[in-house]
Protein backbone atom coordinates (compact mmCIF):
# COMPACT_ATOMS: atom_id res chain seq x y z
CA UNK A 1 -0.17 0.21 -0.07
CA UNK A 2 1.45 3.43 -1.03
CA UNK A 3 1.25 6.06 2.25
CA UNK A 4 2.45 8.56 1.05
CA UNK A 5 0.77 11.70 1.47
CA UNK A 6 -0.62 13.27 -1.78
CA UNK A 7 1.58 16.01 -3.52
CA UNK A 8 -0.38 19.33 -2.66
CA UNK A 9 -1.57 17.71 1.10
CA UNK A 10 2.32 16.64 1.55
CA UNK A 11 3.41 20.17 0.72
CA UNK A 12 1.48 21.95 2.61
CA UNK A 13 2.40 20.14 5.60
CA UNK A 14 6.09 20.49 4.66
CA UNK A 15 5.45 24.36 4.80
CA UNK A 16 3.58 23.98 7.82
CA UNK A 17 6.53 21.96 9.92
CA UNK A 18 8.72 24.99 8.51
CA UNK A 19 6.31 27.83 9.98
CA UNK A 20 5.43 25.41 13.08
CA UNK A 21 9.65 25.75 13.91
CA UNK A 22 9.65 29.41 13.48
CA UNK A 23 6.32 29.54 15.56
CA UNK A 24 8.08 27.69 18.69
CA UNK A 25 11.09 29.80 18.18
CA UNK A 26 8.94 33.20 18.80
CA UNK A 27 7.30 31.70 21.72
CA UNK A 28 10.89 30.95 23.30
CA UNK A 29 12.01 34.18 22.45
CA UNK A 30 8.96 36.57 24.01
CA UNK A 31 9.22 33.66 26.90
CA UNK A 32 12.55 35.91 27.35
CA UNK A 33 10.56 39.17 28.17
CA UNK A 34 7.61 37.47 30.22
CA UNK A 35 8.57 34.42 32.66
CA UNK A 36 5.62 33.01 32.96
CA UNK A 37 4.43 33.25 29.37
CA UNK A 38 5.95 29.77 27.99
CA UNK A 39 4.06 27.24 30.55
CA UNK A 40 5.73 24.07 28.77
CA UNK A 41 8.46 23.25 26.12
CA UNK A 42 9.82 19.99 25.76
CA UNK A 43 10.99 20.53 21.96
CA UNK A 44 14.58 20.48 20.77
CA UNK A 45 16.53 22.09 23.60
CA UNK A 46 19.20 23.62 21.21
CA UNK A 47 16.30 25.86 20.37
CA UNK A 48 16.15 27.39 24.09
CA UNK A 49 19.67 27.23 24.23
CA UNK A 50 20.62 29.06 20.65
CA UNK A 51 16.90 31.97 21.75
CA UNK A 52 18.81 35.54 22.67
CA UNK A 53 17.20 38.42 24.11
CA UNK A 54 15.76 39.93 20.92
CA UNK A 55 13.87 43.50 21.18
CA UNK A 56 10.25 43.39 21.33
CA UNK A 57 9.97 45.34 18.37
CA UNK A 58 11.72 42.86 16.04
CA UNK A 59 9.33 40.18 17.75
CA UNK A 60 6.52 42.01 16.76
CA UNK A 61 7.49 42.48 12.97
CA UNK A 62 9.09 38.87 13.30
CA UNK A 63 5.27 37.78 14.36
CA UNK A 64 3.60 39.54 11.61
CA UNK A 65 5.68 38.17 8.68
CA UNK A 66 4.99 34.61 10.31
CA UNK A 67 1.43 35.50 9.96
CA UNK A 68 1.62 36.64 6.96
CA UNK A 69 3.70 33.50 5.64
CA UNK A 70 0.84 31.24 7.06
CA UNK A 71 -1.88 33.57 5.20
CA UNK A 72 0.41 32.76 1.95
CA UNK A 73 -0.32 28.90 2.24
CA UNK A 74 -2.60 27.64 -0.25
CA UNK A 75 -4.55 25.03 1.27
CA UNK A 76 -6.98 23.83 -1.97
CA UNK A 77 -7.14 20.15 -1.92
CA UNK A 78 -5.26 19.03 0.82
CA UNK A 79 -6.29 16.87 3.86
CA UNK A 80 -8.95 18.34 6.28
CA UNK A 81 -6.68 17.82 9.30
CA UNK A 82 -4.03 20.35 7.95
CA UNK A 83 -6.84 22.67 7.14
CA UNK A 84 -7.54 22.89 11.29
CA UNK A 85 -3.58 22.52 11.91
CA UNK A 86 -3.32 25.95 9.58
CA UNK A 87 -6.34 27.51 11.33
CA UNK A 88 -5.45 26.63 15.32
CA UNK A 89 -1.28 27.43 14.21
CA UNK A 90 -2.49 30.87 12.85
CA UNK A 91 -4.89 31.87 16.03
CA UNK A 92 -2.01 31.22 17.98
CA UNK A 93 0.34 32.98 15.90
CA UNK A 94 -2.17 36.02 16.06
CA UNK A 95 -2.10 35.89 19.80
CA UNK A 96 0.99 36.18 19.95
CA UNK A 97 1.56 39.50 18.10
CA UNK A 98 -1.66 40.56 20.47
CA UNK A 99 0.30 39.70 23.61
CA UNK A 100 4.09 41.52 21.82
CA UNK A 101 1.67 44.46 21.89
CA UNK A 102 0.52 44.58 25.27
CA UNK A 103 4.29 44.09 26.21
CA UNK A 104 5.09 47.10 24.61
CA UNK A 105 2.66 49.06 26.43
CA UNK A 106 -0.71 48.70 24.28
CA UNK A 107 -3.75 49.01 26.65
CA UNK A 108 -6.91 47.18 25.74
CA UNK A 109 -10.06 46.58 27.28
CA UNK A 110 -10.92 43.31 28.88
CA UNK A 111 -13.18 42.30 26.26
CA UNK A 112 -10.86 42.91 23.19
CA UNK A 113 -8.14 41.07 25.39
CA UNK A 114 -10.48 38.27 25.58
CA UNK A 115 -10.42 38.21 22.02
CA UNK A 116 -6.56 38.87 21.21
CA UNK A 117 -5.64 36.65 22.99
CA UNK A 118 -8.32 33.69 23.78
CA UNK A 119 -10.10 33.90 20.23
CA UNK A 120 -13.69 34.36 22.24
CA UNK A 121 -15.79 36.57 25.03
CA UNK A 122 -17.40 35.27 27.74
CA UNK A 123 -20.78 35.71 28.91
CA UNK A 124 -21.69 38.55 31.10
CA UNK A 125 -24.14 38.72 34.16
CA UNK A 126 -25.02 41.15 36.24
CA UNK A 127 -24.49 42.08 40.17
CA UNK A 128 -28.19 41.44 40.44
CA UNK A 129 -28.01 37.93 38.80
CA UNK A 130 -25.49 37.19 41.58
CA UNK A 131 -28.04 38.73 44.35
CA UNK A 132 -30.46 36.24 43.33
CA UNK A 133 -28.08 33.21 43.40
CA UNK A 134 -27.47 34.44 47.39
CA UNK A 135 -31.02 34.58 47.89
CA UNK A 136 -31.23 30.83 46.94
CA UNK A 137 -27.87 30.55 49.04
CA UNK A 138 -29.52 32.01 51.96
CA UNK A 139 -32.33 29.37 51.97
CA UNK A 140 -29.97 26.64 51.96
CA UNK A 141 -27.79 27.29 54.55
CA UNK A 142 -28.73 27.52 58.67
CA UNK A 143 -28.10 29.95 60.91
CA UNK A 144 -29.57 33.64 61.09
CA UNK A 145 -26.68 35.76 60.73
CA UNK A 146 -25.44 37.16 57.14
CA UNK A 147 -24.84 34.67 54.31
CA UNK A 148 -21.54 34.85 53.70
CA UNK A 149 -20.59 34.32 57.77
CA UNK A 150 -23.36 31.25 57.58
CA UNK A 151 -21.40 30.14 54.34
CA UNK A 152 -18.05 30.08 55.77
CA UNK A 153 -19.59 28.42 59.64
CA UNK A 154 -21.32 25.76 57.10
CA UNK A 155 -18.02 24.73 55.07
CA UNK A 156 -16.07 24.71 57.64
CA UNK A 157 -17.26 21.70 58.59
CA UNK A 158 -15.51 20.20 55.39
CA UNK A 159 -11.94 21.24 55.32
CA UNK A 160 -9.08 18.92 55.31
CA UNK A 161 -7.26 19.04 58.27
CA UNK A 162 -3.42 20.23 56.77
CA UNK A 163 -1.90 16.94 57.72
CA UNK A 164 -4.39 15.08 56.21
CA UNK A 165 -4.21 16.27 52.71
CA UNK A 166 -1.43 14.55 51.08
CA UNK A 167 -3.25 11.41 51.97
CA UNK A 168 -6.82 12.43 50.62
CA UNK A 169 -5.47 14.51 47.78
CA UNK A 170 -3.53 11.20 46.56
CA UNK A 171 -6.90 8.71 47.12
CA UNK A 172 -8.56 11.03 44.74
CA UNK A 173 -6.12 11.25 42.02
CA UNK A 174 -5.69 7.50 42.30
CA UNK A 175 -9.29 7.53 41.76
CA UNK A 176 -9.43 9.97 39.05
CA UNK A 177 -6.47 7.92 37.33
CA UNK A 178 -8.25 4.83 37.28
CA UNK A 179 -11.88 6.03 36.21
CA UNK A 180 -9.64 7.78 32.92
CA UNK A 181 -7.84 4.63 32.36
CA UNK A 182 -11.46 2.90 31.74
CA UNK A 183 -11.85 5.16 28.54
CA UNK A 184 -8.47 6.20 27.40
CA UNK A 185 -5.61 4.29 26.93
CA UNK A 186 -2.63 5.79 28.61
CA UNK A 187 1.15 5.60 28.43
CA UNK A 188 2.71 2.67 30.45
CA UNK A 189 5.42 5.47 31.27
CA UNK A 190 3.41 8.42 32.21
CA UNK A 191 3.07 9.90 35.75
CA UNK A 192 3.22 12.84 37.87
CA UNK A 193 4.84 13.95 40.92
CA UNK A 194 3.14 15.98 44.01
CA UNK A 195 4.31 18.80 45.80
CA UNK A 196 3.18 20.93 48.59
CA UNK A 197 3.94 24.73 47.83
CA UNK A 198 3.05 28.12 49.37
CA UNK A 199 2.92 32.12 49.04
CA UNK A 200 0.99 31.26 45.61
CA UNK A 201 -1.88 33.41 43.73
CA UNK A 202 -3.19 30.19 42.19
CA UNK A 203 -4.61 27.16 44.53
CA UNK A 204 -2.76 24.42 41.99
CA UNK A 205 -0.89 23.99 38.81
CA UNK A 206 0.60 21.40 36.54
CA UNK A 207 4.16 22.09 35.01
CA UNK A 208 3.94 19.51 32.29
CA UNK A 209 7.92 18.23 31.51
CA UNK A 210 7.25 16.07 28.61
CA UNK A 211 8.26 12.52 27.88
CA UNK A 212 4.22 11.64 29.58
CA UNK A 213 5.33 13.26 32.75
CA UNK A 214 4.19 16.61 34.93
CA UNK A 215 4.71 17.81 38.36
CA UNK A 216 1.70 19.39 39.87
CA UNK A 217 1.86 21.53 42.79
CA UNK A 218 -0.71 22.32 45.41
CA UNK A 219 -0.45 24.98 47.28
CA UNK A 220 -1.44 25.31 50.76
CA UNK A 221 -1.99 28.50 51.33
CA UNK A 222 -5.68 28.18 51.49
CA UNK A 223 -8.45 25.62 53.24
CA UNK A 224 -8.55 22.25 51.07
CA UNK A 225 -12.21 21.55 51.06
CA UNK A 226 -13.24 18.02 50.71
CA UNK A 227 -15.05 18.59 47.30
CA UNK A 228 -11.42 20.34 46.07
CA UNK A 229 -9.64 17.46 46.33
CA UNK A 230 -11.47 15.60 43.26
CA UNK A 231 -11.85 18.79 41.40
CA UNK A 232 -8.08 19.62 41.71
CA UNK A 233 -7.32 15.50 40.69
CA UNK A 234 -9.68 15.83 38.01
CA UNK A 235 -8.40 19.53 36.88
CA UNK A 236 -4.35 18.88 36.87
CA UNK A 237 -4.65 15.22 36.59
CA UNK A 238 -6.43 13.27 34.90
CA UNK A 239 -8.70 13.96 32.65
CA UNK A 240 -7.00 17.59 33.06
CA UNK A 241 -4.30 19.07 31.66
CA UNK A 242 -1.82 16.06 32.21
CA UNK A 243 -4.05 14.13 29.85
CA UNK A 244 -4.69 16.87 27.74
CA UNK A 245 -0.52 17.58 27.63
CA UNK A 246 0.40 13.80 27.12
CA UNK A 247 -2.35 13.14 24.03
CA UNK A 248 -0.95 15.79 22.34
CA UNK A 249 2.76 14.98 22.71
CA UNK A 250 1.67 11.31 21.74
CA UNK A 251 -1.14 12.21 18.75
CA UNK A 252 0.56 15.22 17.29
CA UNK A 253 4.27 15.99 18.64
CA UNK A 254 5.38 12.18 18.33
CA UNK A 255 2.29 10.99 16.03
CA UNK A 256 2.12 13.39 13.43
CA UNK A 257 5.85 15.14 13.94
CA UNK A 258 3.71 18.46 14.69
CA UNK A 259 6.53 20.54 16.52
CA UNK A 260 3.99 23.45 17.56
CA UNK A 261 2.29 21.11 20.43
CA UNK A 262 5.35 20.75 22.06
CA UNK A 263 5.38 24.37 23.52
CA UNK A 264 2.42 25.98 25.42
CA UNK A 265 2.17 29.76 25.29
CA UNK A 266 0.29 30.51 28.65
CA UNK A 267 -1.72 33.33 26.95
CA UNK A 268 -3.08 32.09 24.05
CA UNK A 269 -5.85 30.23 22.88
CA UNK A 270 -4.99 26.74 23.64
CA UNK A 271 -5.43 28.14 27.13
CA UNK A 272 -9.14 28.63 26.32
CA UNK A 273 -9.38 24.46 25.28
CA UNK A 274 -7.01 23.64 28.17
CA UNK A 275 -8.60 25.07 31.23
CA UNK A 276 -12.25 24.49 29.92
CA UNK A 277 -11.19 20.95 29.23
CA UNK A 278 -9.81 20.58 32.65
CA UNK A 279 -12.83 22.37 34.59
CA UNK A 280 -15.23 20.06 32.41
CA UNK A 281 -12.95 16.60 33.32
CA UNK A 282 -15.30 15.82 36.78
CA UNK A 283 -18.54 15.88 34.95
CA UNK A 284 -17.18 13.61 32.69
CA UNK A 285 -15.89 11.57 35.21
CA UNK A 286 -18.41 10.93 37.72
CA UNK A 287 -22.57 11.67 38.12
CA UNK A 288 -22.44 14.44 41.02
CA UNK A 289 -24.42 11.13 42.53
CA UNK A 290 -20.95 9.01 42.36
CA UNK A 291 -18.97 12.08 43.42
CA UNK A 292 -20.91 12.64 47.12
CA UNK A 293 -20.55 8.39 47.29
CA UNK A 294 -16.92 8.63 46.68
CA UNK A 295 -16.38 11.74 49.44
CA UNK A 296 -18.76 9.79 51.92
CA UNK A 297 -16.99 6.41 51.61
CA UNK A 298 -13.50 7.17 50.87
CA UNK A 299 -12.34 10.58 51.24
CA UNK A 300 -13.99 11.82 54.18
CA UNK A 301 -12.98 8.73 56.47
CA UNK A 302 -9.26 9.63 55.55
CA UNK A 303 -9.69 13.24 56.28
CA UNK A 304 -11.87 12.47 59.83
CA UNK A 305 -14.48 14.73 58.58
CA UNK A 306 -18.44 14.36 59.39
CA UNK A 307 -21.46 15.98 58.27
CA UNK A 308 -24.10 16.00 55.52
CA UNK A 309 -22.03 15.79 52.31
CA UNK A 310 -25.62 15.97 50.45
CA UNK A 311 -26.63 19.21 51.49
CA UNK A 312 -22.93 20.19 51.45
CA UNK A 313 -23.41 19.55 47.55
CA UNK A 314 -26.74 21.30 47.12
CA UNK A 315 -25.23 24.45 48.52
CA UNK A 316 -22.05 23.83 46.83
CA UNK A 317 -24.35 23.71 43.17
CA UNK A 318 -25.98 26.82 44.07
CA UNK A 319 -22.66 28.51 44.57
CA UNK A 320 -21.41 27.54 41.53
CA UNK A 321 -23.38 29.81 39.84
CA UNK A 322 -21.79 32.42 40.94
CA UNK A 323 -18.27 31.56 39.03
CA UNK A 324 -18.97 34.11 36.76
CA UNK A 325 -18.72 37.01 38.89
CA UNK A 326 -14.74 36.95 38.79
CA UNK A 327 -15.15 37.71 35.17
CA UNK A 328 -16.75 40.91 36.13
CA UNK A 329 -14.57 41.97 39.14
CA UNK A 330 -12.17 41.29 36.72
CA UNK A 331 -13.29 42.89 34.15
CA UNK A 332 -13.59 45.77 36.18
CA UNK A 333 -10.57 45.90 37.72
CA UNK A 334 -8.62 45.44 34.64
CA UNK A 335 -10.69 48.22 32.82
CA UNK A 336 -9.96 50.44 35.64
CA UNK A 337 -13.53 51.20 37.08
CA UNK A 338 -12.78 49.72 40.60
CA UNK A 339 -9.96 49.83 42.54
CA UNK A 340 -7.91 46.98 44.16
CA UNK A 341 -9.66 47.10 47.25
CA UNK A 342 -13.40 47.30 45.60
CA UNK A 343 -12.56 43.81 43.65
CA UNK A 344 -11.71 42.43 47.06
CA UNK A 345 -14.92 43.85 48.37
CA UNK A 346 -16.76 42.37 45.74
CA UNK A 347 -15.36 39.23 45.97
CA UNK A 348 -16.53 39.05 49.72
CA UNK A 349 -19.66 40.62 49.33
CA UNK A 350 -21.28 38.47 46.31
CA UNK A 351 -18.82 35.75 46.11
CA UNK A 352 -18.54 34.83 49.58
CA UNK A 353 -14.96 34.78 49.52
CA UNK A 354 -12.94 35.13 52.76
CA UNK A 355 -10.63 37.81 52.94
CA UNK A 356 -7.44 36.45 52.92
CA UNK A 357 -8.99 34.29 49.45
CA UNK A 358 -10.18 37.54 48.56
CA UNK A 359 -6.61 39.48 48.65
CA UNK A 360 -5.17 35.91 47.15
CA UNK A 361 -7.69 36.28 44.02
CA UNK A 362 -7.59 39.84 42.94
CA UNK A 363 -3.47 39.08 42.72
CA UNK A 364 -4.17 36.38 40.04
CA UNK A 365 -6.72 38.92 38.43
CA UNK A 366 -3.89 41.91 38.42
CA UNK A 367 -1.34 39.18 36.89
CA UNK A 368 -3.48 37.37 34.35
CA UNK A 369 -5.92 39.73 33.35
CA UNK A 370 -8.83 38.41 30.80
CA UNK A 371 -7.42 34.87 31.73
CA UNK A 372 -10.35 33.76 34.01
CA UNK A 373 -12.53 33.59 31.07
CA UNK A 374 -10.95 30.31 30.47
CA UNK A 375 -12.14 28.52 33.56
CA UNK A 376 -16.09 29.30 33.53
CA UNK A 377 -16.25 30.03 29.75
CA UNK A 378 -14.17 27.30 28.47
CA UNK A 379 -15.80 24.38 30.66
CA UNK A 380 -19.37 25.29 29.77
CA UNK A 381 -18.02 25.41 25.44
CA UNK A 382 -16.97 22.21 26.27
CA UNK A 383 -19.82 20.59 27.76
CA UNK A 384 -21.51 21.92 25.02
CA UNK A 385 -19.27 20.46 22.43
CA UNK A 386 -19.11 16.94 24.22
CA UNK A 387 -22.32 16.73 24.94
CA UNK A 388 -24.02 18.08 21.50
CA UNK A 389 -27.38 16.72 20.23
CA UNK A 390 -28.49 16.37 23.92
CA UNK A 391 -28.39 12.43 24.18
CA UNK A 392 -24.71 11.35 24.00
CA UNK A 393 -24.37 8.49 26.08
CA UNK A 394 -21.40 8.23 28.56
CA UNK A 395 -19.26 6.13 25.90
CA UNK A 396 -19.55 9.32 22.94
CA UNK A 397 -18.87 11.85 25.52
CA UNK A 398 -15.75 10.13 26.46
CA UNK A 399 -14.64 9.89 22.56
CA UNK A 400 -15.66 13.09 21.77
CA UNK A 401 -13.66 14.88 24.76
CA UNK A 402 -10.46 12.18 23.57
CA UNK A 403 -10.59 13.40 20.51
CA UNK A 404 -10.91 17.03 21.24
CA UNK A 405 -8.08 16.47 23.72
CA UNK A 406 -5.92 15.08 20.81
CA UNK A 407 -6.72 17.62 18.07
CA UNK A 408 -7.30 20.47 19.84
CA UNK A 409 -9.62 23.65 18.51
CA UNK A 410 -9.76 27.20 19.62
CA UNK A 411 -13.02 28.98 20.83
CA UNK A 412 -14.26 30.30 17.02
CA UNK A 413 -13.14 26.54 15.69
CA UNK A 414 -16.03 25.28 18.29
CA UNK A 415 -18.37 27.62 17.47
CA UNK A 416 -17.41 26.79 13.67
CA UNK A 417 -17.99 23.03 13.95
CA UNK A 418 -20.19 22.51 16.16
């Protein structure tokens, strides 16, 4: 059997391979100006060593030239997968140009940045919407004081003692891995290590290191609630960031030899899918009653926690309706409409954040700006994609989810293909 690609497809593939190398080197160069920009890289080490400190203006010109080169690629009579590859690579390069302009001092609105970096805008809700959710919560919470105090008091009974955190979190990781492995074949060599850290602006982080390995850091600055164990295990591990990265390495970097997937620029369209799929992962792993059963029968005994876990999850289901508040507060802060203190106050009053958690979250907003839309808006977009049609079986949902991780789409590609 002739396994060669048709002439047009092979020519386009070769051209995209060349442009992908330029893309990787450009991302590395931009990363010299912002230490957070390159989230992961496991391509040729010599490219990193050869990367010098170029001026931002020179990089801006280089990004524009790369975008023009991509626009000149003729896509007639080529395989569909190369059309999607080209579209994705072009969106990534376009976002690099936007980010460089931001580093050069150009300022724009939160909404414009959402499109420029992540290829989408999130839904918006008014404060009146959040007030209605708080009224719902008040009906679920015991006590007579304000809803924030009642929420904090009720939730305090479900904090994992710090000395039990490693045991409980690792049990959650093993459960998430076992359930994922039923549906997606994992490389024998894949694994990750867990490290407990402090003084971070995030709750947890996955640092993908290539060769199917990750380092997951869990920040211990804030209390770890029992439900967060499974949420973080699925978000950072299975079927979240760890799986997302290893499937791309397996299918695209090693399988297709598409080197652009060996680097992850944090502030770019791929983060929309990365965070959205990681947030959606637990909904794919387990139904809510299964989550409750696992927490009640396995995690709570390990943590030494007793309490009405069913009522706790009824409260949490309502509380999750406040998730888009992050976008509203971050937008107001980014656009200069409110101060840091006002942002913290809004998170406390409408999001029921503790004072220390509100301060931590606002620091995240100041550092990452429009990135926050990737969590809630990304999750709902992935959910619509995976569950489209309304009657997909669990096997179909896993198949769609796995295919999406192996061949990532940008936000606008979601819309175009739904």
